[in-house]
Amino acid sequence: MTALAGITIMRPVLAAPTVQKLTWDQQPVRWNLQVSGAVQGVGFSAFVYSLATRLGLRGFVASRPGALAIEIEGARSLLGEFLEELWLGAPRRARIEKVACQTCSPTGAADFQIVTRD
């Protein structure tokens, strides 16, 4: 504070920047899912794409021999929601027999894609 001829000038007090910590369920993770069963030729990749983009997740879905590979990245809580809806909302003609899940390091993918074979 400075006083000049009866005028008081207050200097602004700058607050220290706050750092918002992510809770456990908000932390970004990446899962590699291998989905086996009757999941090819039944609209399953389009379903996965729609689900992932609706939830704001990133990664890809790709057809592999006998399975679909899904790499999905986002907040832990959203990945749990994705997995639940994957089982419960799959296309009628699809039949999921097994979902194998492996945790990977997040890559910072920008969006979600359907990867096609060349």
PDB file of N, CA and C in Angstrom:
ATOM      1  N   MET A   1       0.858  -1.163   0.000  1.00  0.00           N
ATOM      2  CA  MET A   1       0.000   0.000   0.000  1.00  0.00           C
ATOM      3  C   MET A   1       0.902   1.222   0.000  1.00  0.00           C
ATOM      4  N   THR A   2       0.531   2.203  -0.851  1.00  0.00           N
ATOM      5  CA  THR A   2       1.294   3.433  -0.968  1.00  0.00           C
ATOM      6  C   THR A   2       0.350   4.604  -0.727  1.00  0.00           C
ATOM      7  N   ALA A   3       0.814   5.609   0.024  1.00  0.00           N
ATOM      8  CA  ALA A   3      -0.015   6.791   0.275  1.00  0.00           C
ATOM      9  C   ALA A   3       0.604   7.979  -0.431  1.00  0.00           C
ATOM     10  N   LEU A   4      -0.182   8.683  -1.257  1.00  0.00           N
ATOM     11  CA  LEU A   4       0.258   9.883  -1.954  1.00  0.00           C
ATOM     12  C   LEU A   4      -0.756  10.991  -1.695  1.00  0.00           C
ATOM     13  N   ALA A   5      -0.372  12.025  -1.000  1.00  0.00           N
ATOM     14  CA  ALA A   5      -1.207  13.209  -0.761  1.00  0.00           C
ATOM     15  C   ALA A   5      -2.644  12.847  -0.430  1.00  0.00           C
ATOM     16  N   GLY A   6      -2.829  11.977   0.520  1.00  0.00           N
ATOM     17  CA  GLY A   6      -4.163  11.613   0.958  1.00  0.00           C
ATOM     18  C   GLY A   6      -4.838  10.544   0.114  1.00  0.00           C
ATOM     19  N   ILE A   7      -4.188  10.059  -0.941  1.00  0.00           N
ATOM     20  CA  ILE A   7      -4.756   8.999  -1.783  1.00  0.00           C
ATOM     21  C   ILE A   7      -4.043   7.703  -1.435  1.00  0.00           C
ATOM     22  N   THR A   8      -4.794   6.685  -1.195  1.00  0.00           N
ATOM     23  CA  THR A   8      -4.217   5.392  -0.875  1.00  0.00           C
ATOM     24  C   THR A   8      -4.336   4.480  -2.085  1.00  0.00           C
ATOM     25  N   ILE A   9      -3.231   3.944  -2.511  1.00  0.00           N
ATOM     26  CA  ILE A   9      -3.224   3.022  -3.649  1.00  0.00           C
ATOM     27  C   ILE A   9      -2.963   1.625  -3.110  1.00  0.00           C
ATOM     28  N   MET A  10      -3.874   0.747  -3.386  1.00  0.00           N
ATOM     29  CA  MET A  10      -3.738  -0.639  -2.936  1.00  0.00           C
ATOM     30  C   MET A  10      -3.185  -1.471  -4.094  1.00  0.00           C
ATOM     31  N   ARG A  11      -2.157  -2.196  -3.826  1.00  0.00           N
ATOM     32  CA  ARG A  11      -1.624  -3.108  -4.835  1.00  0.00           C
ATOM     33  C   ARG A  11      -2.400  -4.419  -4.760  1.00  0.00           C
ATOM     34  N   PRO A  12      -2.769  -4.962  -5.919  1.00  0.00           N
ATOM     35  CA  PRO A  12      -3.530  -6.212  -5.883  1.00  0.00           C
ATOM     36  C   PRO A  12      -2.678  -7.352  -5.324  1.00  0.00           C
ATOM     37  N   VAL A  13      -3.333  -8.174  -4.581  1.00  0.00           N
ATOM     38  CA  VAL A  13      -2.672  -9.356  -4.048  1.00  0.00           C
ATOM     39  C   VAL A  13      -2.941 -10.485  -5.025  1.00  0.00           C
ATOM     40  N   LEU A  14      -1.901 -11.026  -5.589  1.00  0.00           N
ATOM     41  CA  LEU A  14      -2.059 -12.117  -6.546  1.00  0.00           C
ATOM     42  C   LEU A  14      -2.081 -13.437  -5.807  1.00  0.00           C
ATOM     43  N   ALA A  15      -3.119 -14.181  -6.059  1.00  0.00           N
ATOM     44  CA  ALA A  15      -3.238 -15.496  -5.424  1.00  0.00           C
ATOM     45  C   ALA A  15      -2.365 -16.491  -6.171  1.00  0.00           C
ATOM     46  N   ALA A  16      -1.860 -17.419  -5.437  1.00  0.00           N
ATOM     47  CA  ALA A  16      -1.068 -18.479  -6.059  1.00  0.00           C
ATOM     48  C   ALA A  16      -1.989 -19.311  -6.950  1.00  0.00           C
ATOM     49  N   PRO A  17      -1.492 -19.727  -8.099  1.00  0.00           N
ATOM     50  CA  PRO A  17      -2.345 -20.533  -8.974  1.00  0.00           C
ATOM     51  C   PRO A  17      -2.737 -21.839  -8.287  1.00  0.00           C
ATOM     52  N   THR A  18      -3.962 -22.236  -8.525  1.00  0.00           N
ATOM     53  CA  THR A  18      -4.418 -23.489  -7.939  1.00  0.00           C
ATOM     54  C   THR A  18      -4.244 -24.614  -8.953  1.00  0.00           C
ATOM     55  N   VAL A  19      -3.885 -25.740  -8.462  1.00  0.00           N
ATOM     56  CA  VAL A  19      -3.719 -26.919  -9.305  1.00  0.00           C
ATOM     57  C   VAL A  19      -4.833 -27.885  -8.940  1.00  0.00           C
ATOM     58  N   GLN A  20      -5.645 -28.186  -9.945  1.00  0.00           N
ATOM     59  CA  GLN A  20      -6.750 -29.108  -9.695  1.00  0.00           C
ATOM     60  C   GLN A  20      -6.239 -30.526  -9.926  1.00  0.00           C
ATOM     61  N   LYS A  21      -6.310 -31.314  -8.878  1.00  0.00           N
ATOM     62  CA  LYS A  21      -5.868 -32.698  -8.991  1.00  0.00           C
ATOM     63  C   LYS A  21      -7.025 -33.558  -9.473  1.00  0.00           C
ATOM     64  N   LEU A  22      -6.713 -34.466 -10.371  1.00  0.00           N
ATOM     65  CA  LEU A  22      -7.729 -35.389 -10.858  1.00  0.00           C
ATOM     66  C   LEU A  22      -7.955 -36.483  -9.825  1.00  0.00           C
ATOM     67  N   THR A  23      -9.205 -36.813  -9.625  1.00  0.00           N
ATOM     68  CA  THR A  23      -9.497 -37.928  -8.741  1.00  0.00           C
ATOM     69  C   THR A  23      -9.150 -39.221  -9.467  1.00  0.00           C
ATOM     70  N   TRP A  24      -9.131 -40.313  -8.742  1.00  0.00           N
ATOM     71  CA  TRP A  24      -8.744 -41.609  -9.299  1.00  0.00           C
ATOM     72  C   TRP A  24      -9.560 -41.960 -10.533  1.00  0.00           C
ATOM     73  N   ASP A  25     -10.863 -41.731 -10.500  1.00  0.00           N
ATOM     74  CA  ASP A  25     -11.718 -42.126 -11.618  1.00  0.00           C
ATOM     75  C   ASP A  25     -11.651 -41.162 -12.800  1.00  0.00           C
ATOM     76  N   GLN A  26     -11.016 -39.988 -12.624  1.00  0.00           N
ATOM     77  CA  GLN A  26     -10.865 -39.027 -13.716  1.00  0.00           C
ATOM     78  C   GLN A  26      -9.528 -39.166 -14.442  1.00  0.00           C
ATOM     79  N   GLN A  27      -8.621 -39.926 -13.885  1.00  0.00           N
ATOM     80  CA  GLN A  27      -7.299 -40.042 -14.483  1.00  0.00           C
ATOM     81  C   GLN A  27      -7.378 -40.783 -15.818  1.00  0.00           C
ATOM     82  N   PRO A  28      -6.637 -40.296 -16.826  1.00  0.00           N
ATOM     83  CA  PRO A  28      -6.677 -40.955 -18.129  1.00  0.00           C
ATOM     84  C   PRO A  28      -5.953 -42.301 -18.112  1.00  0.00           C
ATOM     85  N   VAL A  29      -6.576 -43.282 -18.731  1.00  0.00           N
ATOM     86  CA  VAL A  29      -5.974 -44.607 -18.895  1.00  0.00           C
ATOM     87  C   VAL A  29      -6.279 -45.084 -20.311  1.00  0.00           C
ATOM     88  N   ARG A  30      -5.590 -46.107 -20.734  1.00  0.00           N
ATOM     89  CA  ARG A  30      -5.809 -46.709 -22.053  1.00  0.00           C
ATOM     90  C   ARG A  30      -5.931 -48.211 -21.863  1.00  0.00           C
ATOM     91  N   TRP A  31      -6.962 -48.775 -22.480  1.00  0.00           N
ATOM     92  CA  TRP A  31      -7.178 -50.212 -22.425  1.00  0.00           C
ATOM     93  C   TRP A  31      -7.051 -50.799 -23.816  1.00  0.00           C
ATOM     94  N   ASN A  32      -6.446 -51.967 -23.873  1.00  0.00           N
ATOM     95  CA  ASN A  32      -6.418 -52.770 -25.091  1.00  0.00           C
ATOM     96  C   ASN A  32      -7.396 -53.910 -24.847  1.00  0.00           C
ATOM     97  N   LEU A  33      -8.496 -53.916 -25.603  1.00  0.00           N
ATOM     98  CA  LEU A  33      -9.524 -54.947 -25.458  1.00  0.00           C
ATOM     99  C   LEU A  33      -9.500 -55.866 -26.671  1.00  0.00           C
ATOM    100  N   GLN A  34      -9.588 -57.155 -26.445  1.00  0.00           N
ATOM    101  CA  GLN A  34      -9.749 -58.142 -27.506  1.00  0.00           C
ATOM    102  C   GLN A  34     -11.119 -58.773 -27.299  1.00  0.00           C
ATOM    103  N   VAL A  35     -12.022 -58.497 -28.215  1.00  0.00           N
ATOM    104  CA  VAL A  35     -13.398 -58.974 -28.098  1.00  0.00           C
ATOM    105  C   VAL A  35     -13.585 -60.130 -29.064  1.00  0.00           C
ATOM    106  N   SER A  36     -13.893 -61.308 -28.513  1.00  0.00           N
ATOM    107  CA  SER A  36     -14.073 -62.486 -29.368  1.00  0.00           C
ATOM    108  C   SER A  36     -15.511 -62.967 -29.294  1.00  0.00           C
ATOM    109  N   GLY A  37     -15.904 -63.692 -30.328  1.00  0.00           N
ATOM    110  CA  GLY A  37     -17.265 -64.198 -30.462  1.00  0.00           C
ATOM    111  C   GLY A  37     -17.778 -63.832 -31.840  1.00  0.00           C
ATOM    112  N   ALA A  38     -19.077 -63.765 -31.989  1.00  0.00           N
ATOM    113  CA  ALA A  38     -19.690 -63.363 -33.259  1.00  0.00           C
ATOM    114  C   ALA A  38     -19.778 -61.836 -33.276  1.00  0.00           C
ATOM    115  N   VAL A  39     -18.643 -61.187 -33.567  1.00  0.00           N
ATOM    116  CA  VAL A  39     -18.566 -59.728 -33.513  1.00  0.00           C
ATOM    117  C   VAL A  39     -18.122 -59.124 -34.848  1.00  0.00           C
ATOM    118  N   GLN A  40     -18.001 -59.941 -35.873  1.00  0.00           N
ATOM    119  CA  GLN A  40     -17.607 -59.439 -37.190  1.00  0.00           C
ATOM    120  C   GLN A  40     -18.759 -59.633 -38.167  1.00  0.00           C
ATOM    121  N   GLY A  41     -18.983 -58.609 -38.995  1.00  0.00           N
ATOM    122  CA  GLY A  41     -20.052 -58.687 -39.973  1.00  0.00           C
ATOM    123  C   GLY A  41     -21.442 -58.469 -39.399  1.00  0.00           C
ATOM    124  N   VAL A  42     -21.526 -57.934 -38.183  1.00  0.00           N
ATOM    125  CA  VAL A  42     -22.824 -57.719 -37.527  1.00  0.00           C
ATOM    126  C   VAL A  42     -23.003 -56.261 -37.079  1.00  0.00           C
ATOM    127  N   GLY A  43     -22.173 -55.363 -37.586  1.00  0.00           N
ATOM    128  CA  GLY A  43     -22.271 -53.961 -37.207  1.00  0.00           C
ATOM    129  C   GLY A  43     -21.619 -53.610 -35.887  1.00  0.00           C
ATOM    130  N   PHE A  44     -20.774 -54.504 -35.389  1.00  0.00           N
ATOM    131  CA  PHE A  44     -20.170 -54.294 -34.074  1.00  0.00           C
ATOM    132  C   PHE A  44     -19.160 -53.142 -34.077  1.00  0.00           C
ATOM    133  N   SER A  45     -18.350 -53.019 -35.126  1.00  0.00           N
ATOM    134  CA  SER A  45     -17.370 -51.919 -35.188  1.00  0.00           C
ATOM    135  C   SER A  45     -18.070 -50.566 -35.192  1.00  0.00           C
ATOM    136  N   ALA A  46     -19.155 -50.450 -35.949  1.00  0.00           N
ATOM    137  CA  ALA A  46     -19.913 -49.199 -35.989  1.00  0.00           C
ATOM    138  C   ALA A  46     -20.527 -48.910 -34.615  1.00  0.00           C
ATOM    139  N   PHE A  47     -21.003 -49.949 -33.944  1.00  0.00           N
ATOM    140  CA  PHE A  47     -21.543 -49.801 -32.586  1.00  0.00           C
ATOM    141  C   PHE A  47     -20.464 -49.291 -31.635  1.00  0.00           C
ATOM    142  N   VAL A  48     -19.274 -49.886 -31.698  1.00  0.00           N
ATOM    143  CA  VAL A  48     -18.155 -49.476 -30.838  1.00  0.00           C
ATOM    144  C   VAL A  48     -17.789 -48.020 -31.109  1.00  0.00           C
ATOM    145  N   TYR A  49     -17.720 -47.654 -32.393  1.00  0.00           N
ATOM    146  CA  TYR A  49     -17.391 -46.276 -32.771  1.00  0.00           C
ATOM    147  C   TYR A  49     -18.418 -45.303 -32.190  1.00  0.00           C
ATOM    148  N   SER A  50     -19.688 -45.612 -32.359  1.00  0.00           N
ATOM    149  CA  SER A  50     -20.763 -44.755 -31.862  1.00  0.00           C
ATOM    150  C   SER A  50     -20.691 -44.600 -30.344  1.00  0.00           C
ATOM    151  N   LEU A  51     -20.482 -45.710 -29.651  1.00  0.00           N
ATOM    152  CA  LEU A  51     -20.389 -45.694 -28.193  1.00  0.00           C
ATOM    153  C   LEU A  51     -19.192 -44.868 -27.726  1.00  0.00           C
ATOM    154  N   ALA A  52     -18.035 -45.103 -28.324  1.00  0.00           N
ATOM    155  CA  ALA A  52     -16.814 -44.393 -27.916  1.00  0.00           C
ATOM    156  C   ALA A  52     -16.933 -42.895 -28.167  1.00  0.00           C
ATOM    157  N   THR A  53     -17.442 -42.509 -29.329  1.00  0.00           N
ATOM    158  CA  THR A  53     -17.543 -41.083 -29.625  1.00  0.00           C
ATOM    159  C   THR A  53     -18.600 -40.411 -28.747  1.00  0.00           C
ATOM    160  N   ARG A  54     -19.688 -41.105 -28.440  1.00  0.00           N
ATOM    161  CA  ARG A  54     -20.717 -40.543 -27.556  1.00  0.00           C
ATOM    162  C   ARG A  54     -20.149 -40.267 -26.172  1.00  0.00           C
ATOM    163  N   LEU A  55     -19.248 -41.134 -25.704  1.00  0.00           N
ATOM    164  CA  LEU A  55     -18.641 -40.962 -24.381  1.00  0.00           C
ATOM    165  C   LEU A  55     -17.413 -40.048 -24.407  1.00  0.00           C
ATOM    166  N   GLY A  56     -17.009 -39.603 -25.592  1.00  0.00           N
ATOM    167  CA  GLY A  56     -15.851 -38.723 -25.706  1.00  0.00           C
ATOM    168  C   GLY A  56     -14.528 -39.441 -25.530  1.00  0.00           C
ATOM    169  N   LEU A  57     -14.492 -40.732 -25.851  1.00  0.00           N
ATOM    170  CA  LEU A  57     -13.276 -41.527 -25.716  1.00  0.00           C
ATOM    171  C   LEU A  57     -12.487 -41.498 -27.016  1.00  0.00           C
ATOM    172  N   ARG A  58     -11.219 -41.872 -26.918  1.00  0.00           N
ATOM    173  CA  ARG A  58     -10.326 -41.839 -28.076  1.00  0.00           C
ATOM    174  C   ARG A  58      -9.683 -43.206 -28.276  1.00  0.00           C
ATOM    175  N   GLY A  59      -9.216 -43.467 -29.489  1.00  0.00           N
ATOM    176  CA  GLY A  59      -8.562 -44.730 -29.791  1.00  0.00           C
ATOM    177  C   GLY A  59      -9.016 -45.277 -31.123  1.00  0.00           C
ATOM    178  N   PHE A  60      -9.192 -46.611 -31.195  1.00  0.00           N
ATOM    179  CA  PHE A  60      -9.600 -47.225 -32.458  1.00  0.00           C
ATOM    180  C   PHE A  60     -10.215 -48.593 -32.224  1.00  0.00           C
ATOM    181  N   VAL A  61     -10.924 -49.076 -33.248  1.00  0.00           N
ATOM    182  CA  VAL A  61     -11.410 -50.450 -33.301  1.00  0.00           C
ATOM    183  C   VAL A  61     -10.923 -51.008 -34.627  1.00  0.00           C
ATOM    184  N   ALA A  62     -10.424 -52.245 -34.600  1.00  0.00           N
ATOM    185  CA  ALA A  62      -9.891 -52.879 -35.810  1.00  0.00           C
ATOM    186  C   ALA A  62     -10.246 -54.357 -35.808  1.00  0.00           C
ATOM    187  N   SER A  63     -10.537 -54.873 -36.987  1.00  0.00           N
ATOM    188  CA  SER A  63     -10.855 -56.289 -37.135  1.00  0.00           C
ATOM    189  C   SER A  63      -9.563 -57.097 -37.139  1.00  0.00           C
ATOM    190  N   ARG A  64      -9.553 -58.165 -36.363  1.00  0.00           N
ATOM    191  CA  ARG A  64      -8.424 -59.103 -36.300  1.00  0.00           C
ATOM    192  C   ARG A  64      -8.986 -60.497 -36.536  1.00  0.00           C
ATOM    193  N   PRO A  65      -8.173 -61.444 -36.933  1.00  0.00           N
ATOM    194  CA  PRO A  65      -8.691 -62.806 -37.134  1.00  0.00           C
ATOM    195  C   PRO A  65      -9.363 -63.349 -35.865  1.00  0.00           C
ATOM    196  N   GLY A  66     -10.659 -63.613 -35.971  1.00  0.00           N
ATOM    197  CA  GLY A  66     -11.405 -64.194 -34.855  1.00  0.00           C
ATOM    198  C   GLY A  66     -11.793 -63.242 -33.746  1.00  0.00           C
ATOM    199  N   ALA A  67     -11.508 -61.949 -33.901  1.00  0.00           N
ATOM    200  CA  ALA A  67     -11.799 -60.998 -32.819  1.00  0.00           C
ATOM    201  C   ALA A  67     -11.801 -59.567 -33.352  1.00  0.00           C
ATOM    202  N   LEU A  68     -12.212 -58.664 -32.482  1.00  0.00           N
ATOM    203  CA  LEU A  68     -12.047 -57.236 -32.742  1.00  0.00           C
ATOM    204  C   LEU A  68     -11.081 -56.696 -31.705  1.00  0.00           C
ATOM    205  N   ALA A  69     -10.147 -55.878 -32.149  1.00  0.00           N
ATOM    206  CA  ALA A  69      -9.220 -55.208 -31.242  1.00  0.00           C
ATOM    207  C   ALA A  69      -9.743 -53.797 -31.013  1.00  0.00           C
ATOM    208  N   ILE A  70      -9.835 -53.416 -29.761  1.00  0.00           N
ATOM    209  CA  ILE A  70     -10.259 -52.061 -29.406  1.00  0.00           C
ATOM    210  C   ILE A  70      -9.204 -51.473 -28.487  1.00  0.00           C
ATOM    211  N   GLU A  71      -8.663 -50.322 -28.866  1.00  0.00           N
ATOM    212  CA  GLU A  71      -7.808 -49.560 -27.951  1.00  0.00           C
ATOM    213  C   GLU A  71      -8.598 -48.316 -27.624  1.00  0.00           C
ATOM    214  N   ILE A  72      -8.873 -48.135 -26.352  1.00  0.00           N
ATOM    215  CA  ILE A  72      -9.765 -47.072 -25.905  1.00  0.00           C
ATOM    216  C   ILE A  72      -9.089 -46.277 -24.799  1.00  0.00           C
ATOM    217  N   GLU A  73      -9.178 -44.960 -24.872  1.00  0.00           N
ATOM    218  CA  GLU A  73      -8.475 -44.093 -23.928  1.00  0.00           C
ATOM    219  C   GLU A  73      -9.400 -43.000 -23.425  1.00  0.00           C
ATOM    220  N   GLY A  74      -9.318 -42.734 -22.127  1.00  0.00           N
ATOM    221  CA  GLY A  74     -10.108 -41.670 -21.517  1.00  0.00           C
ATOM    222  C   GLY A  74     -10.104 -41.810 -20.014  1.00  0.00           C
ATOM    223  N   ALA A  75     -11.003 -41.095 -19.374  1.00  0.00           N
ATOM    224  CA  ALA A  75     -11.115 -41.158 -17.913  1.00  0.00           C
ATOM    225  C   ALA A  75     -11.531 -42.565 -17.500  1.00  0.00           C
ATOM    226  N   ARG A  76     -10.951 -43.029 -16.417  1.00  0.00           N
ATOM    227  CA  ARG A  76     -11.207 -44.383 -15.906  1.00  0.00           C
ATOM    228  C   ARG A  76     -12.705 -44.663 -15.758  1.00  0.00           C
ATOM    229  N   SER A  77     -13.448 -43.687 -15.237  1.00  0.00           N
ATOM    230  CA  SER A  77     -14.887 -43.885 -15.036  1.00  0.00           C
ATOM    231  C   SER A  77     -15.615 -44.074 -16.362  1.00  0.00           C
ATOM    232  N   LEU A  78     -15.195 -43.352 -17.405  1.00  0.00           N
ATOM    233  CA  LEU A  78     -15.831 -43.484 -18.715  1.00  0.00           C
ATOM    234  C   LEU A  78     -15.486 -44.817 -19.372  1.00  0.00           C
ATOM    235  N   LEU A  79     -14.282 -45.317 -19.131  1.00  0.00           N
ATOM    236  CA  LEU A  79     -13.929 -46.623 -19.684  1.00  0.00           C
ATOM    237  C   LEU A  79     -14.767 -47.723 -19.050  1.00  0.00           C
ATOM    238  N   GLY A  80     -15.044 -47.592 -17.760  1.00  0.00           N
ATOM    239  CA  GLY A  80     -15.928 -48.544 -17.094  1.00  0.00           C
ATOM    240  C   GLY A  80     -17.330 -48.511 -17.684  1.00  0.00           C
ATOM    241  N   GLU A  81     -17.817 -47.313 -17.962  1.00  0.00           N
ATOM    242  CA  GLU A  81     -19.134 -47.163 -18.593  1.00  0.00           C
ATOM    243  C   GLU A  81     -19.120 -47.763 -19.999  1.00  0.00           C
ATOM    244  N   PHE A  82     -18.033 -47.535 -20.733  1.00  0.00           N
ATOM    245  CA  PHE A  82     -17.892 -48.091 -22.077  1.00  0.00           C
ATOM    246  C   PHE A  82     -17.977 -49.617 -22.042  1.00  0.00           C
ATOM    247  N   LEU A  83     -17.241 -50.222 -21.146  1.00  0.00           N
ATOM    248  CA  LEU A  83     -17.205 -51.680 -21.057  1.00  0.00           C
ATOM    249  C   LEU A  83     -18.582 -52.248 -20.693  1.00  0.00           C
ATOM    250  N   GLU A  84     -19.267 -51.603 -19.777  1.00  0.00           N
ATOM    251  CA  GLU A  84     -20.604 -52.055 -19.388  1.00  0.00           C
ATOM    252  C   GLU A  84     -21.571 -51.975 -20.573  1.00  0.00           C
ATOM    253  N   GLU A  85     -21.545 -50.849 -21.289  1.00  0.00           N
ATOM    254  CA  GLU A  85     -22.438 -50.689 -22.433  1.00  0.00           C
ATOM    255  C   GLU A  85     -22.048 -51.590 -23.599  1.00  0.00           C
ATOM    256  N   LEU A  86     -20.768 -51.928 -23.688  1.00  0.00           N
ATOM    257  CA  LEU A  86     -20.310 -52.857 -24.724  1.00  0.00           C
ATOM    258  C   LEU A  86     -21.010 -54.204 -24.560  1.00  0.00           C
ATOM    259  N   TRP A  87     -21.088 -54.680 -23.329  1.00  0.00           N
ATOM    260  CA  TRP A  87     -21.745 -55.957 -23.042  1.00  0.00           C
ATOM    261  C   TRP A  87     -23.259 -55.871 -23.185  1.00  0.00           C
ATOM    262  N   LEU A  88     -23.842 -54.787 -22.661  1.00  0.00           N
ATOM    263  CA  LEU A  88     -25.299 -54.701 -22.579  1.00  0.00           C
ATOM    264  C   LEU A  88     -25.983 -54.179 -23.841  1.00  0.00           C
ATOM    265  N   GLY A  89     -25.269 -53.382 -24.643  1.00  0.00           N
ATOM    266  CA  GLY A  89     -25.925 -52.730 -25.776  1.00  0.00           C
ATOM    267  C   GLY A  89     -25.471 -53.198 -27.142  1.00  0.00           C
ATOM    268  N   ALA A  90     -24.760 -54.307 -27.202  1.00  0.00           N
ATOM    269  CA  ALA A  90     -24.233 -54.798 -28.482  1.00  0.00           C
ATOM    270  C   ALA A  90     -25.366 -55.076 -29.470  1.00  0.00           C
ATOM    271  N   PRO A  91     -25.084 -54.984 -30.768  1.00  0.00           N
ATOM    272  CA  PRO A  91     -26.105 -55.289 -31.773  1.00  0.00           C
ATOM    273  C   PRO A  91     -26.701 -56.681 -31.551  1.00  0.00           C
ATOM    274  N   ARG A  92     -27.954 -56.842 -31.915  1.00  0.00           N
ATOM    275  CA  ARG A  92     -28.668 -58.102 -31.677  1.00  0.00           C
ATOM    276  C   ARG A  92     -27.962 -59.320 -32.258  1.00  0.00           C
ATOM    277  N   ARG A  93     -27.411 -59.171 -33.441  1.00  0.00           N
ATOM    278  CA  ARG A  93     -26.774 -60.332 -34.089  1.00  0.00           C
ATOM    279  C   ARG A  93     -25.384 -60.630 -33.527  1.00  0.00           C
ATOM    280  N   ALA A  94     -24.859 -59.728 -32.731  1.00  0.00           N
ATOM    281  CA  ALA A  94     -23.541 -59.955 -32.127  1.00  0.00           C
ATOM    282  C   ALA A  94     -23.669 -60.880 -30.924  1.00  0.00           C
ATOM    283  N   ARG A  95     -22.627 -61.647 -30.702  1.00  0.00           N
ATOM    284  CA  ARG A  95     -22.569 -62.510 -29.524  1.00  0.00           C
ATOM    285  C   ARG A  95     -21.151 -62.431 -28.958  1.00  0.00           C
ATOM    286  N   ILE A  96     -21.010 -61.744 -27.858  1.00  0.00           N
ATOM    287  CA  ILE A  96     -19.696 -61.603 -27.224  1.00  0.00           C
ATOM    288  C   ILE A  96     -19.449 -62.833 -26.371  1.00  0.00           C
ATOM    289  N   GLU A  97     -18.349 -63.507 -26.631  1.00  0.00           N
ATOM    290  CA  GLU A  97     -17.967 -64.660 -25.810  1.00  0.00           C
ATOM    291  C   GLU A  97     -16.959 -64.273 -24.738  1.00  0.00           C
ATOM    292  N   LYS A  98     -16.064 -63.347 -25.103  1.00  0.00           N
ATOM    293  CA  LYS A  98     -14.983 -63.004 -24.167  1.00  0.00           C
ATOM    294  C   LYS A  98     -14.455 -61.618 -24.486  1.00  0.00           C
ATOM    295  N   VAL A  99     -14.122 -60.871 -23.430  1.00  0.00           N
ATOM    296  CA  VAL A  99     -13.422 -59.593 -23.582  1.00  0.00           C
ATOM    297  C   VAL A  99     -12.172 -59.677 -22.718  1.00  0.00           C
ATOM    298  N   ALA A 100     -11.023 -59.690 -23.369  1.00  0.00           N
ATOM    299  CA  ALA A 100      -9.746 -59.678 -22.654  1.00  0.00           C
ATOM    300  C   ALA A 100      -9.275 -58.226 -22.588  1.00  0.00           C
ATOM    301  N   CYS A 101      -8.854 -57.797 -21.419  1.00  0.00           N
ATOM    302  CA  CYS A 101      -8.484 -56.400 -21.209  1.00  0.00           C
ATOM    303  C   CYS A 101      -7.064 -56.302 -20.662  1.00  0.00           C
ATOM    304  N   GLN A 102      -6.309 -55.396 -21.260  1.00  0.00           N
ATOM    305  CA  GLN A 102      -4.954 -55.129 -20.796  1.00  0.00           C
ATOM    306  C   GLN A 102      -4.793 -53.611 -20.690  1.00  0.00           C
ATOM    307  N   THR A 103      -4.226 -53.140 -19.597  1.00  0.00           N
ATOM    308  CA  THR A 103      -3.999 -51.708 -19.406  1.00  0.00           C
ATOM    309  C   THR A 103      -2.710 -51.298 -20.105  1.00  0.00           C
ATOM    310  N   CYS A 104      -2.772 -50.165 -20.802  1.00  0.00           N
ATOM    311  CA  CYS A 104      -1.618 -49.615 -21.529  1.00  0.00           C
ATOM    312  C   CYS A 104      -1.399 -48.172 -21.071  1.00  0.00           C
ATOM    313  N   SER A 105      -0.302 -47.599 -21.470  1.00  0.00           N
ATOM    314  CA  SER A 105      -0.049 -46.188 -21.192  1.00  0.00           C
ATOM    315  C   SER A 105      -0.843 -45.339 -22.177  1.00  0.00           C
ATOM    316  N   PRO A 106      -1.475 -44.264 -21.707  1.00  0.00           N
ATOM    317  CA  PRO A 106      -2.201 -43.375 -22.619  1.00  0.00           C
ATOM    318  C   PRO A 106      -1.267 -42.807 -23.686  1.00  0.00           C
ATOM    319  N   THR A 107      -1.773 -42.669 -24.905  1.00  0.00           N
ATOM    320  CA  THR A 107      -0.972 -42.145 -26.012  1.00  0.00           C
ATOM    321  C   THR A 107      -1.340 -40.718 -26.377  1.00  0.00           C
ATOM    322  N   GLY A 108      -2.457 -40.234 -25.847  1.00  0.00           N
ATOM    323  CA  GLY A 108      -2.901 -38.891 -26.200  1.00  0.00           C
ATOM    324  C   GLY A 108      -3.597 -38.851 -27.551  1.00  0.00           C
ATOM    325  N   ALA A 109      -4.226 -39.946 -27.939  1.00  0.00           N
ATOM    326  CA  ALA A 109      -4.941 -40.004 -29.217  1.00  0.00           C
ATOM    327  C   ALA A 109      -5.940 -38.851 -29.299  1.00  0.00           C
ATOM    328  N   ALA A 110      -6.137 -38.333 -30.511  1.00  0.00           N
ATOM    329  CA  ALA A 110      -6.996 -37.160 -30.700  1.00  0.00           C
ATOM    330  C   ALA A 110      -8.465 -37.503 -30.874  1.00  0.00           C
ATOM    331  N   ASP A 111      -8.767 -38.699 -31.389  1.00  0.00           N
ATOM    332  CA  ASP A 111     -10.154 -39.053 -31.676  1.00  0.00           C
ATOM    333  C   ASP A 111     -10.314 -40.564 -31.677  1.00  0.00           C
ATOM    334  N   PHE A 112     -11.471 -41.042 -32.107  1.00  0.00           N
ATOM    335  CA  PHE A 112     -11.716 -42.471 -32.209  1.00  0.00           C
ATOM    336  C   PHE A 112     -11.935 -42.818 -33.676  1.00  0.00           C
ATOM    337  N   GLN A 113     -11.352 -43.939 -34.115  1.00  0.00           N
ATOM    338  CA  GLN A 113     -11.414 -44.317 -35.522  1.00  0.00           C
ATOM    339  C   GLN A 113     -11.737 -45.785 -35.689  1.00  0.00           C
ATOM    340  N   ILE A 114     -12.337 -46.094 -36.832  1.00  0.00           N
ATOM    341  CA  ILE A 114     -12.462 -47.491 -37.267  1.00  0.00           C
ATOM    342  C   ILE A 114     -11.313 -47.709 -38.237  1.00  0.00           C
ATOM    343  N   VAL A 115     -10.440 -48.638 -37.888  1.00  0.00           N
ATOM    344  CA  VAL A 115      -9.281 -48.946 -38.730  1.00  0.00           C
ATOM    345  C   VAL A 115      -9.666 -50.089 -39.654  1.00  0.00           C
ATOM    346  N   THR A 116      -9.500 -49.873 -40.946  1.00  0.00           N
ATOM    347  CA  THR A 116      -9.845 -50.902 -41.930  1.00  0.00           C
ATOM    348  C   THR A 116      -8.587 -51.523 -42.498  1.00  0.00           C
ATOM    349  N   ARG A 117      -8.737 -52.730 -42.985  1.00  0.00           N
ATOM    350  CA  ARG A 117      -7.608 -53.422 -43.622  1.00  0.00           C
ATOM    351  C   ARG A 117      -7.369 -52.846 -45.001  1.00  0.00           C
ATOM    352  N   ASP A 118      -6.121 -52.812 -45.402  1.00  0.00           N
ATOM    353  CA  ASP A 118      -5.784 -52.342 -46.762  1.00  0.00           C
ATOM    354  C   ASP A 118      -5.869 -53.471 -47.756  1.00  0.00           C
TER     355      ASP A 118
END
